[in-house]
PDB file of N, CA and C in Angstrom:
ATOM      1  N   MET A   1      94.900 -26.109 -24.074  1.00  0.00           N
ATOM      2  CA  MET A   1      93.870 -26.282 -23.087  1.00  0.00           C
ATOM      3  C   MET A   1      93.888 -27.696 -22.533  1.00  0.00           C
ATOM      4  N   MET A   2      94.055 -28.661 -23.407  1.00  0.00           N
ATOM      5  CA  MET A   2      94.100 -30.050 -22.983  1.00  0.00           C
ATOM      6  C   MET A   2      95.312 -30.299 -22.101  1.00  0.00           C
ATOM      7  N   LYS A   3      96.413 -29.605 -22.401  1.00  0.00           N
ATOM      8  CA  LYS A   3      97.633 -29.758 -21.623  1.00  0.00           C
ATOM      9  C   LYS A   3      97.405 -29.270 -20.184  1.00  0.00           C
ATOM     10  N   CYS A   4      96.711 -28.152 -19.997  1.00  0.00           N
ATOM     11  CA  CYS A   4      96.404 -27.626 -18.651  1.00  0.00           C
ATOM     12  C   CYS A   4      95.508 -28.592 -17.893  1.00  0.00           C
ATOM     13  N   PHE A   5      94.557 -29.188 -18.595  1.00  0.00           N
ATOM     14  CA  PHE A   5      93.649 -30.125 -17.962  1.00  0.00           C
ATOM     15  C   PHE A   5      94.399 -31.359 -17.460  1.00  0.00           C
ATOM     16  N   LEU A   6      95.322 -31.869 -18.257  1.00  0.00           N
ATOM     17  CA  LEU A   6      96.119 -33.032 -17.857  1.00  0.00           C
ATOM     18  C   LEU A   6      97.030 -32.699 -16.675  1.00  0.00           C
ATOM     19  N   ILE A   7      97.595 -31.526 -16.669  1.00  0.00           N
ATOM     20  CA  ILE A   7      98.455 -31.112 -15.549  1.00  0.00           C
ATOM     21  C   ILE A   7      97.631 -31.023 -14.270  1.00  0.00           C
ATOM     22  N   LEU A   8      96.423 -30.503 -14.362  1.00  0.00           N
ATOM     23  CA  LEU A   8      95.543 -30.395 -13.204  1.00  0.00           C
ATOM     24  C   LEU A   8      95.185 -31.777 -12.668  1.00  0.00           C
ATOM     25  N   ILE A   9      94.861 -32.694 -13.523  1.00  0.00           N
ATOM     26  CA  ILE A   9      94.525 -34.059 -13.104  1.00  0.00           C
ATOM     27  C   ILE A   9      95.728 -34.725 -12.459  1.00  0.00           C
ATOM     28  N   LEU A  10      96.895 -34.590 -13.039  1.00  0.00           N
ATOM     29  CA  LEU A  10      98.102 -35.178 -12.468  1.00  0.00           C
ATOM     30  C   LEU A  10      98.422 -34.568 -11.097  1.00  0.00           C
ATOM     31  N   ALA A  11      98.177 -33.290 -10.946  1.00  0.00           N
ATOM     32  CA  ALA A  11      98.432 -32.638  -9.662  1.00  0.00           C
ATOM     33  C   ALA A  11      97.493 -33.189  -8.586  1.00  0.00           C
ATOM     34  N   LEU A  12      96.234 -33.399  -8.931  1.00  0.00           N
ATOM     35  CA  LEU A  12      95.284 -33.949  -7.969  1.00  0.00           C
ATOM     36  C   LEU A  12      95.606 -35.390  -7.598  1.00  0.00           C
ATOM     37  N   VAL A  13      96.056 -36.167  -8.552  1.00  0.00           N
ATOM     38  CA  VAL A  13      96.411 -37.559  -8.292  1.00  0.00           C
ATOM     39  C   VAL A  13      97.682 -37.622  -7.449  1.00  0.00           C
ATOM     40  N   ALA A  14      98.604 -36.735  -7.667  1.00  0.00           N
ATOM     41  CA  ALA A  14      99.872 -36.738  -6.940  1.00  0.00           C
ATOM     42  C   ALA A  14      99.701 -36.274  -5.498  1.00  0.00           C
ATOM     43  N   VAL A  15      98.678 -35.464  -5.210  1.00  0.00           N
ATOM     44  CA  VAL A  15      98.453 -34.936  -3.863  1.00  0.00           C
ATOM     45  C   VAL A  15      97.059 -35.378  -3.395  1.00  0.00           C
ATOM     46  N   PRO A  16      96.930 -36.611  -2.916  1.00  0.00           N
ATOM     47  CA  PRO A  16      95.605 -37.103  -2.542  1.00  0.00           C
ATOM     48  C   PRO A  16      95.022 -36.419  -1.307  1.00  0.00           C
ATOM     49  N   GLU A  17      95.825 -35.789  -0.477  1.00  0.00           N
ATOM     50  CA  GLU A  17      95.321 -35.123   0.715  1.00  0.00           C
ATOM     51  C   GLU A  17      94.405 -33.942   0.388  1.00  0.00           C
ATOM     52  N   VAL A  18      94.488 -33.418  -0.821  1.00  0.00           N
ATOM     53  CA  VAL A  18      93.678 -32.277  -1.203  1.00  0.00           C
ATOM     54  C   VAL A  18      92.197 -32.641  -1.196  1.00  0.00           C
ATOM     55  N   TYR A  19      91.878 -33.843  -1.639  1.00  0.00           N
ATOM     56  CA  TYR A  19      90.485 -34.232  -1.734  1.00  0.00           C
ATOM     57  C   TYR A  19      90.138 -35.440  -0.861  1.00  0.00           C
ATOM     58  N   ALA A  20      91.064 -35.911  -0.098  1.00  0.00           N
ATOM     59  CA  ALA A  20      90.839 -37.117   0.705  1.00  0.00           C
ATOM     60  C   ALA A  20      90.001 -36.813   1.942  1.00  0.00           C
ATOM     61  N   ASP A  21      89.303 -37.809   2.394  1.00  0.00           N
ATOM     62  CA  ASP A  21      88.521 -37.726   3.633  1.00  0.00           C
ATOM     63  C   ASP A  21      89.505 -37.709   4.804  1.00  0.00           C
ATOM     64  N   PRO A  22      89.448 -36.708   5.677  1.00  0.00           N
ATOM     65  CA  PRO A  22      90.423 -36.626   6.765  1.00  0.00           C
ATOM     66  C   PRO A  22      90.322 -37.801   7.732  1.00  0.00           C
ATOM     67  N   HIS A  23      89.171 -38.442   7.839  1.00  0.00           N
ATOM     68  CA  HIS A  23      89.017 -39.570   8.753  1.00  0.00           C
ATOM     69  C   HIS A  23      89.683 -40.831   8.225  1.00  0.00           C
ATOM     70  N   ARG A  24      89.844 -40.920   6.908  1.00  0.00           N
ATOM     71  CA  ARG A  24      90.471 -42.104   6.327  1.00  0.00           C
ATOM     72  C   ARG A  24      91.968 -42.098   6.585  1.00  0.00           C
ATOM     73  N   SER A  25      92.571 -40.942   6.763  1.00  0.00           N
ATOM     74  CA  SER A  25      94.007 -40.892   6.973  1.00  0.00           C
ATOM     75  C   SER A  25      94.384 -41.176   8.429  1.00  0.00           C
ATOM     76  N   MET A  26      93.404 -41.219   9.328  1.00  0.00           N
ATOM     77  CA  MET A  26      93.681 -41.510  10.727  1.00  0.00           C
ATOM     78  C   MET A  26      93.876 -43.011  10.923  1.00  0.00           C
ATOM     79  N   THR A  27      94.700 -43.348  11.864  1.00  0.00           N
ATOM     80  CA  THR A  27      94.857 -44.756  12.193  1.00  0.00           C
ATOM     81  C   THR A  27      93.641 -45.214  12.981  1.00  0.00           C
ATOM     82  N   SER A  28      93.436 -46.510  13.041  1.00  0.00           N
ATOM     83  CA  SER A  28      92.281 -47.034  13.779  1.00  0.00           C
ATOM     84  C   SER A  28      92.409 -46.728  15.269  1.00  0.00           C
ATOM     85  N   LYS A  29      93.641 -46.657  15.765  1.00  0.00           N
ATOM     86  CA  LYS A  29      93.849 -46.326  17.180  1.00  0.00           C
ATOM     87  C   LYS A  29      93.395 -44.894  17.463  1.00  0.00           C
ATOM     88  N   THR A  30      93.705 -43.960  16.569  1.00  0.00           N
ATOM     89  CA  THR A  30      93.275 -42.574  16.727  1.00  0.00           C
ATOM     90  C   THR A  30      91.758 -42.480  16.651  1.00  0.00           C
ATOM     91  N   GLN A  31      91.153 -43.218  15.717  1.00  0.00           N
ATOM     92  CA  GLN A  31      89.704 -43.198  15.581  1.00  0.00           C
ATOM     93  C   GLN A  31      89.032 -43.745  16.837  1.00  0.00           C
ATOM     94  N   LYS A  32      89.580 -44.821  17.410  1.00  0.00           N
ATOM     95  CA  LYS A  32      89.000 -45.400  18.625  1.00  0.00           C
ATOM     96  C   LYS A  32      89.095 -44.429  19.792  1.00  0.00           C
ATOM     97  N   SER A  33      90.227 -43.745  19.932  1.00  0.00           N
ATOM     98  CA  SER A  33      90.370 -42.814  21.050  1.00  0.00           C
ATOM     99  C   SER A  33      89.437 -41.621  20.882  1.00  0.00           C
ATOM    100  N   MET A  34      89.200 -41.181  19.655  1.00  0.00           N
ATOM    101  CA  MET A  34      88.261 -40.086  19.429  1.00  0.00           C
ATOM    102  C   MET A  34      86.842 -40.534  19.747  1.00  0.00           C
ATOM    103  N   ALA A  35      86.477 -41.753  19.364  1.00  0.00           N
ATOM    104  CA  ALA A  35      85.141 -42.257  19.637  1.00  0.00           C
ATOM    105  C   ALA A  35      84.926 -42.402  21.132  1.00  0.00           C
ATOM    106  N   GLN A  36      85.948 -42.865  21.840  1.00  0.00           N
ATOM    107  CA  GLN A  36      85.814 -43.035  23.284  1.00  0.00           C
ATOM    108  C   GLN A  36      85.696 -41.700  23.988  1.00  0.00           C
ATOM    109  N   SER A  37      86.358 -40.674  23.511  1.00  0.00           N
ATOM    110  CA  SER A  37      86.288 -39.375  24.168  1.00  0.00           C
ATOM    111  C   SER A  37      84.917 -38.720  23.982  1.00  0.00           C
ATOM    112  N   ASN A  38      84.156 -39.140  22.982  1.00  0.00           N
ATOM    113  CA  ASN A  38      82.831 -38.580  22.746  1.00  0.00           C
ATOM    114  C   ASN A  38      81.729 -39.325  23.491  1.00  0.00           C
ATOM    115  N   GLN A  39      82.071 -40.413  24.172  1.00  0.00           N
ATOM    116  CA  GLN A  39      81.071 -41.196  24.879  1.00  0.00           C
ATOM    117  C   GLN A  39      80.848 -40.631  26.270  1.00  0.00           C
ATOM    118  N   LEU A  40      79.621 -40.810  26.774  1.00  0.00           N
ATOM    119  CA  LEU A  40      79.310 -40.400  28.133  1.00  0.00           C
ATOM    120  C   LEU A  40      79.921 -41.390  29.106  1.00  0.00           C
ATOM    121  N   LEU A  41      80.396 -40.877  30.208  1.00  0.00           N
ATOM    122  CA  LEU A  41      80.938 -41.744  31.232  1.00  0.00           C
ATOM    123  C   LEU A  41      79.804 -42.281  32.092  1.00  0.00           C
ATOM    124  N   PRO A  42      79.944 -43.503  32.600  1.00  0.00           N
ATOM    125  CA  PRO A  42      78.883 -44.025  33.457  1.00  0.00           C
ATOM    126  C   PRO A  42      78.808 -43.248  34.763  1.00  0.00           C
ATOM    127  N   ALA A  43      77.603 -43.165  35.304  1.00  0.00           N
ATOM    128  CA  ALA A  43      77.417 -42.454  36.571  1.00  0.00           C
ATOM    129  C   ALA A  43      78.118 -43.221  37.683  1.00  0.00           C
ATOM    130  N   PRO A  44      78.682 -42.501  38.664  1.00  0.00           N
ATOM    131  CA  PRO A  44      79.352 -43.179  39.758  1.00  0.00           C
ATOM    132  C   PRO A  44      78.356 -43.996  40.585  1.00  0.00           C
ATOM    133  N   LYS A  45      78.820 -45.112  41.130  1.00  0.00           N
ATOM    134  CA  LYS A  45      77.984 -45.971  41.973  1.00  0.00           C
ATOM    135  C   LYS A  45      77.782 -45.303  43.326  1.00  0.00           C
ATOM    136  N   PRO A  46      76.562 -45.397  43.875  1.00  0.00           N
ATOM    137  CA  PRO A  46      76.323 -44.802  45.188  1.00  0.00           C
ATOM    138  C   PRO A  46      77.027 -45.598  46.286  1.00  0.00           C
ATOM    139  N   GLY A  47      77.390 -44.893  47.353  1.00  0.00           N
ATOM    140  CA  GLY A  47      78.048 -45.530  48.488  1.00  0.00           C
ATOM    141  C   GLY A  47      77.061 -46.157  49.450  1.00  0.00           C
ATOM    142  N   ILE A  48      75.781 -45.768  49.370  1.00  0.00           N
ATOM    143  CA  ILE A  48      74.767 -46.338  50.252  1.00  0.00           C
ATOM    144  C   ILE A  48      73.666 -46.968  49.405  1.00  0.00           C
ATOM    145  N   SER A  49      72.934 -47.896  49.983  1.00  0.00           N
ATOM    146  CA  SER A  49      71.856 -48.566  49.252  1.00  0.00           C
ATOM    147  C   SER A  49      70.572 -47.753  49.331  1.00  0.00           C
ATOM    148  N   ASN A  50      69.596 -48.150  48.535  1.00  0.00           N
ATOM    149  CA  ASN A  50      68.309 -47.455  48.569  1.00  0.00           C
ATOM    150  C   ASN A  50      67.593 -47.704  49.905  1.00  0.00           C
ATOM    151  N   LYS A  51      67.798 -48.861  50.514  1.00  0.00           N
ATOM    152  CA  LYS A  51      67.197 -49.137  51.827  1.00  0.00           C
ATOM    153  C   LYS A  51      67.804 -48.236  52.896  1.00  0.00           C
ATOM    154  N   LYS A  52      69.107 -48.022  52.829  1.00  0.00           N
ATOM    155  CA  LYS A  52      69.776 -47.125  53.775  1.00  0.00           C
ATOM    156  C   LYS A  52      69.264 -45.699  53.589  1.00  0.00           C
ATOM    157  N   ALA A  53      69.090 -45.265  52.329  1.00  0.00           N
ATOM    158  CA  ALA A  53      68.570 -43.920  52.050  1.00  0.00           C
ATOM    159  C   ALA A  53      67.176 -43.757  52.640  1.00  0.00           C
ATOM    160  N   ALA A  54      66.325 -44.778  52.486  1.00  0.00           N
ATOM    161  CA  ALA A  54      64.978 -44.715  53.045  1.00  0.00           C
ATOM    162  C   ALA A  54      65.030 -44.655  54.570  1.00  0.00           C
ATOM    163  N   GLY A  55      65.933 -45.414  55.175  1.00  0.00           N
ATOM    164  CA  GLY A  55      66.082 -45.395  56.628  1.00  0.00           C
ATOM    165  C   GLY A  55      66.527 -44.042  57.150  1.00  0.00           C
ATOM    166  N   LEU A  56      67.438 -43.386  56.444  1.00  0.00           N
ATOM    167  CA  LEU A  56      67.902 -42.056  56.852  1.00  0.00           C
ATOM    168  C   LEU A  56      66.763 -41.040  56.787  1.00  0.00           C
ATOM    169  N   VAL A  57      65.920 -41.155  55.777  1.00  0.00           N
ATOM    170  CA  VAL A  57      64.776 -40.244  55.658  1.00  0.00           C
ATOM    171  C   VAL A  57      63.794 -40.503  56.796  1.00  0.00           C
ATOM    172  N   MET A  58      63.562 -41.760  57.132  1.00  0.00           N
ATOM    173  CA  MET A  58      62.647 -42.093  58.227  1.00  0.00           C
ATOM    174  C   MET A  58      63.145 -41.538  59.565  1.00  0.00           C
ATOM    175  N   GLU A  59      64.471 -41.487  59.748  1.00  0.00           N
ATOM    176  CA  GLU A  59      65.037 -40.893  60.962  1.00  0.00           C
ATOM    177  C   GLU A  59      64.743 -39.397  61.031  1.00  0.00           C
ATOM    178  N   HIS A  60      64.829 -38.716  59.895  1.00  0.00           N
ATOM    179  CA  HIS A  60      64.605 -37.265  59.847  1.00  0.00           C
ATOM    180  C   HIS A  60      63.124 -36.894  59.884  1.00  0.00           C
ATOM    181  N   TYR A  61      62.269 -37.740  59.359  1.00  0.00           N
ATOM    182  CA  TYR A  61      60.838 -37.456  59.281  1.00  0.00           C
ATOM    183  C   TYR A  61      60.079 -38.582  59.984  1.00  0.00           C
ATOM    184  N   ALA A  62      60.182 -38.613  61.309  1.00  0.00           N
ATOM    185  CA  ALA A  62      59.537 -39.662  62.111  1.00  0.00           C
ATOM    186  C   ALA A  62      58.031 -39.652  61.880  1.00  0.00           C
ATOM    187  N   GLY A  63      57.463 -40.830  61.765  1.00  0.00           N
ATOM    188  CA  GLY A  63      56.031 -40.960  61.551  1.00  0.00           C
ATOM    189  C   GLY A  63      55.644 -40.965  60.087  1.00  0.00           C
ATOM    190  N   SER A  64      56.527 -40.561  59.209  1.00  0.00           N
ATOM    191  CA  SER A  64      56.227 -40.567  57.773  1.00  0.00           C
ATOM    192  C   SER A  64      56.376 -41.978  57.213  1.00  0.00           C
ATOM    193  N   ARG A  65      55.699 -42.211  56.108  1.00  0.00           N
ATOM    194  CA  ARG A  65      55.778 -43.492  55.428  1.00  0.00           C
ATOM    195  C   ARG A  65      56.484 -43.310  54.097  1.00  0.00           C
ATOM    196  N   VAL A  66      57.388 -44.213  53.756  1.00  0.00           N
ATOM    197  CA  VAL A  66      58.109 -44.143  52.481  1.00  0.00           C
ATOM    198  C   VAL A  66      57.220 -44.725  51.390  1.00  0.00           C
ATOM    199  N   LEU A  67      56.992 -43.930  50.344  1.00  0.00           N
ATOM    200  CA  LEU A  67      56.187 -44.370  49.206  1.00  0.00           C
ATOM    201  C   LEU A  67      57.043 -44.990  48.102  1.00  0.00           C
ATOM    202  N   GLY A  68      58.261 -44.491  47.949  1.00  0.00           N
ATOM    203  CA  GLY A  68      59.142 -45.008  46.899  1.00  0.00           C
ATOM    204  C   GLY A  68      60.519 -44.383  46.968  1.00  0.00           C
ATOM    205  N   VAL A  69      61.493 -45.112  46.452  1.00  0.00           N
ATOM    206  CA  VAL A  69      62.883 -44.643  46.415  1.00  0.00           C
ATOM    207  C   VAL A  69      63.395 -44.854  44.994  1.00  0.00           C
ATOM    208  N   SER A  70      64.018 -43.830  44.423  1.00  0.00           N
ATOM    209  CA  SER A  70      64.618 -43.971  43.095  1.00  0.00           C
ATOM    210  C   SER A  70      65.977 -43.295  43.077  1.00  0.00           C
ATOM    211  N   LEU A  71      66.886 -43.877  42.319  1.00  0.00           N
ATOM    212  CA  LEU A  71      68.221 -43.306  42.136  1.00  0.00           C
ATOM    213  C   LEU A  71      68.182 -42.433  40.896  1.00  0.00           C
ATOM    214  N   LEU A  72      68.525 -41.165  41.051  1.00  0.00           N
ATOM    215  CA  LEU A  72      68.545 -40.242  39.914  1.00  0.00           C
ATOM    216  C   LEU A  72      69.768 -40.556  39.076  1.00  0.00           C
ATOM    217  N   ASP A  73      69.584 -40.722  37.771  1.00  0.00           N
ATOM    218  CA  ASP A  73      70.648 -41.183  36.880  1.00  0.00           C
ATOM    219  C   ASP A  73      71.341 -40.066  36.115  1.00  0.00           C
ATOM    220  N   ASP A  74      71.219 -38.837  36.540  1.00  0.00           N
ATOM    221  CA  ASP A  74      71.886 -37.740  35.846  1.00  0.00           C
ATOM    222  C   ASP A  74      73.385 -37.816  36.069  1.00  0.00           C
ATOM    223  N   GLN A  75      74.132 -37.143  35.194  1.00  0.00           N
ATOM    224  CA  GLN A  75      75.577 -37.054  35.393  1.00  0.00           C
ATOM    225  C   GLN A  75      75.842 -36.273  36.666  1.00  0.00           C
ATOM    226  N   GLY A  76      76.780 -36.700  37.434  1.00  0.00           N
ATOM    227  CA  GLY A  76      77.089 -36.048  38.700  1.00  0.00           C
ATOM    228  C   GLY A  76      77.049 -37.050  39.824  1.00  0.00           C
ATOM    229  N   PRO A  77      77.082 -36.568  41.056  1.00  0.00           N
ATOM    230  CA  PRO A  77      77.081 -37.495  42.188  1.00  0.00           C
ATOM    231  C   PRO A  77      75.737 -38.221  42.291  1.00  0.00           C
ATOM    232  N   PRO A  78      75.753 -39.467  42.790  1.00  0.00           N
ATOM    233  CA  PRO A  78      74.498 -40.207  42.916  1.00  0.00           C
ATOM    234  C   PRO A  78      73.603 -39.602  43.991  1.00  0.00           C
ATOM    235  N   VAL A  79      72.322 -39.470  43.674  1.00  0.00           N
ATOM    236  CA  VAL A  79      71.342 -38.900  44.597  1.00  0.00           C
ATOM    237  C   VAL A  79      70.084 -39.763  44.548  1.00  0.00           C
ATOM    238  N   TYR A  80      69.562 -40.101  45.734  1.00  0.00           N
ATOM    239  CA  TYR A  80      68.299 -40.818  45.827  1.00  0.00           C
ATOM    240  C   TYR A  80      67.163 -39.821  46.025  1.00  0.00           C
ATOM    241  N   LYS A  81      66.032 -40.091  45.369  1.00  0.00           N
ATOM    242  CA  LYS A  81      64.812 -39.322  45.585  1.00  0.00           C
ATOM    243  C   LYS A  81      63.864 -40.237  46.355  1.00  0.00           C
ATOM    244  N   VAL A  82      63.494 -39.811  47.564  1.00  0.00           N
ATOM    245  CA  VAL A  82      62.622 -40.615  48.418  1.00  0.00           C
ATOM    246  C   VAL A  82      61.298 -39.880  48.560  1.00  0.00           C
ATOM    247  N   ARG A  83      60.200 -40.512  48.134  1.00  0.00           N
ATOM    248  CA  ARG A  83      58.861 -39.929  48.263  1.00  0.00           C
ATOM    249  C   ARG A  83      58.264 -40.422  49.578  1.00  0.00           C
ATOM    250  N   THR A  84      57.773 -39.492  50.388  1.00  0.00           N
ATOM    251  CA  THR A  84      57.211 -39.840  51.690  1.00  0.00           C
ATOM    252  C   THR A  84      55.782 -39.327  51.820  1.00  0.00           C
ATOM    253  N   LEU A  85      55.073 -39.924  52.739  1.00  0.00           N
ATOM    254  CA  LEU A  85      53.722 -39.495  53.090  1.00  0.00           C
ATOM    255  C   LEU A  85      53.713 -39.207  54.586  1.00  0.00           C
ATOM    256  N   SER A  86      53.460 -37.940  54.943  1.00  0.00           N
ATOM    257  CA  SER A  86      53.468 -37.549  56.356  1.00  0.00           C
ATOM    258  C   SER A  86      52.193 -38.035  57.041  1.00  0.00           C
ATOM    259  N   PRO A  87      52.176 -38.064  58.384  1.00  0.00           N
ATOM    260  CA  PRO A  87      50.975 -38.498  59.101  1.00  0.00           C
ATOM    261  C   PRO A  87      49.728 -37.648  58.785  1.00  0.00           C
ATOM    262  N   ASN A  88      49.929 -36.381  58.408  1.00  0.00           N
ATOM    263  CA  ASN A  88      48.770 -35.531  58.069  1.00  0.00           C
ATOM    264  C   ASN A  88      48.457 -35.536  56.572  1.00  0.00           C
ATOM    265  N   GLY A  89      49.033 -36.469  55.791  1.00  0.00           N
ATOM    266  CA  GLY A  89      48.664 -36.672  54.390  1.00  0.00           C
ATOM    267  C   GLY A  89      49.434 -35.874  53.364  1.00  0.00           C
ATOM    268  N   VAL A  90      50.546 -35.262  53.737  1.00  0.00           N
ATOM    269  CA  VAL A  90      51.340 -34.475  52.790  1.00  0.00           C
ATOM    270  C   VAL A  90      52.387 -35.374  52.122  1.00  0.00           C
ATOM    271  N   VAL A  91      52.391 -35.377  50.787  1.00  0.00           N
ATOM    272  CA  VAL A  91      53.406 -36.114  50.029  1.00  0.00           C
ATOM    273  C   VAL A  91      54.590 -35.184  49.819  1.00  0.00           C
ATOM    274  N   ARG A  92      55.776 -35.692  50.098  1.00  0.00           N
ATOM    275  CA  ARG A  92      56.981 -34.868  50.028  1.00  0.00           C
ATOM    276  C   ARG A  92      58.080 -35.656  49.310  1.00  0.00           C
ATOM    277  N   SER A  93      58.909 -34.947  48.535  1.00  0.00           N
ATOM    278  CA  SER A  93      60.107 -35.538  47.933  1.00  0.00           C
ATOM    279  C   SER A  93      61.307 -35.089  48.744  1.00  0.00           C
ATOM    280  N   VAL A  94      62.054 -36.055  49.232  1.00  0.00           N
ATOM    281  CA  VAL A  94      63.251 -35.786  50.014  1.00  0.00           C
ATOM    282  C   VAL A  94      64.415 -36.429  49.273  1.00  0.00           C
ATOM    283  N   PHE A  95      65.563 -35.772  49.282  1.00  0.00           N
ATOM    284  CA  PHE A  95      66.724 -36.268  48.548  1.00  0.00           C
ATOM    285  C   PHE A  95      67.824 -36.683  49.519  1.00  0.00           C
ATOM    286  N   VAL A  96      68.554 -37.722  49.135  1.00  0.00           N
ATOM    287  CA  VAL A  96      69.640 -38.244  49.961  1.00  0.00           C
ATOM    288  C   VAL A  96      70.877 -38.365  49.085  1.00  0.00           C
ATOM    289  N   ASP A  97      71.981 -37.765  49.540  1.00  0.00           N
ATOM    290  CA  ASP A  97      73.258 -37.899  48.838  1.00  0.00           C
ATOM    291  C   ASP A  97      73.673 -39.366  48.894  1.00  0.00           C
ATOM    292  N   GLY A  98      73.885 -39.970  47.739  1.00  0.00           N
ATOM    293  CA  GLY A  98      74.216 -41.390  47.662  1.00  0.00           C
ATOM    294  C   GLY A  98      75.569 -41.750  48.211  1.00  0.00           C
ATOM    295  N   ASN A  99      76.443 -40.784  48.414  1.00  0.00           N
ATOM    296  CA  ASN A  99      77.767 -41.059  48.982  1.00  0.00           C
ATOM    297  C   ASN A  99      77.830 -40.776  50.470  1.00  0.00           C
ATOM    298  N   SER A 100      77.383 -39.590  50.875  1.00  0.00           N
ATOM    299  CA  SER A 100      77.535 -39.178  52.269  1.00  0.00           C
ATOM    300  C   SER A 100      76.322 -39.532  53.128  1.00  0.00           C
ATOM    301  N   GLY A 101      75.152 -39.738  52.524  1.00  0.00           N
ATOM    302  CA  GLY A 101      73.954 -40.007  53.281  1.00  0.00           C
ATOM    303  C   GLY A 101      73.272 -38.754  53.804  1.00  0.00           C
ATOM    304  N   GLU A 102      73.723 -37.586  53.361  1.00  0.00           N
ATOM    305  CA  GLU A 102      73.114 -36.324  53.783  1.00  0.00           C
ATOM    306  C   GLU A 102      71.699 -36.236  53.231  1.00  0.00           C
ATOM    307  N   VAL A 103      70.744 -35.862  54.101  1.00  0.00           N
ATOM    308  CA  VAL A 103      69.340 -35.745  53.716  1.00  0.00           C
ATOM    309  C   VAL A 103      69.030 -34.263  53.491  1.00  0.00           C
ATOM    310  N   PHE A 104      68.380 -33.962  52.357  1.00  0.00           N
ATOM    311  CA  PHE A 104      68.005 -32.570  52.060  1.00  0.00           C
ATOM    312  C   PHE A 104      66.744 -32.565  51.210  1.00  0.00           C
ATOM    313  N   GLU A 105      66.066 -31.413  51.208  1.00  0.00           N
ATOM    314  CA  GLU A 105      64.829 -31.268  50.417  1.00  0.00           C
ATOM    315  C   GLU A 105      65.089 -30.515  49.146  1.00  0.00           C
TER     316      GLU A 105
END
């Protein structure tokens, strides 16, 4: 019985991959590339400024007043959200494509 136990221990020592942590056997370069692939990519920079986005909305909704402009930070193309106040008191959210300048609701 003791002989079987010693053979088992020697087998485990001779083959460390059986019980080794798989991350320890990776090179640091492999670990870095895996970590980088799991990171979120930064959102693309908009092609137009927030002032330009507000100006485009003012062209489409004459007489309205801009209450605020914010850049939506979700993954995907940059989009501005422009809050407006119409002459008759209606608050509206209008969106502007940060690259093309297209205005949509």
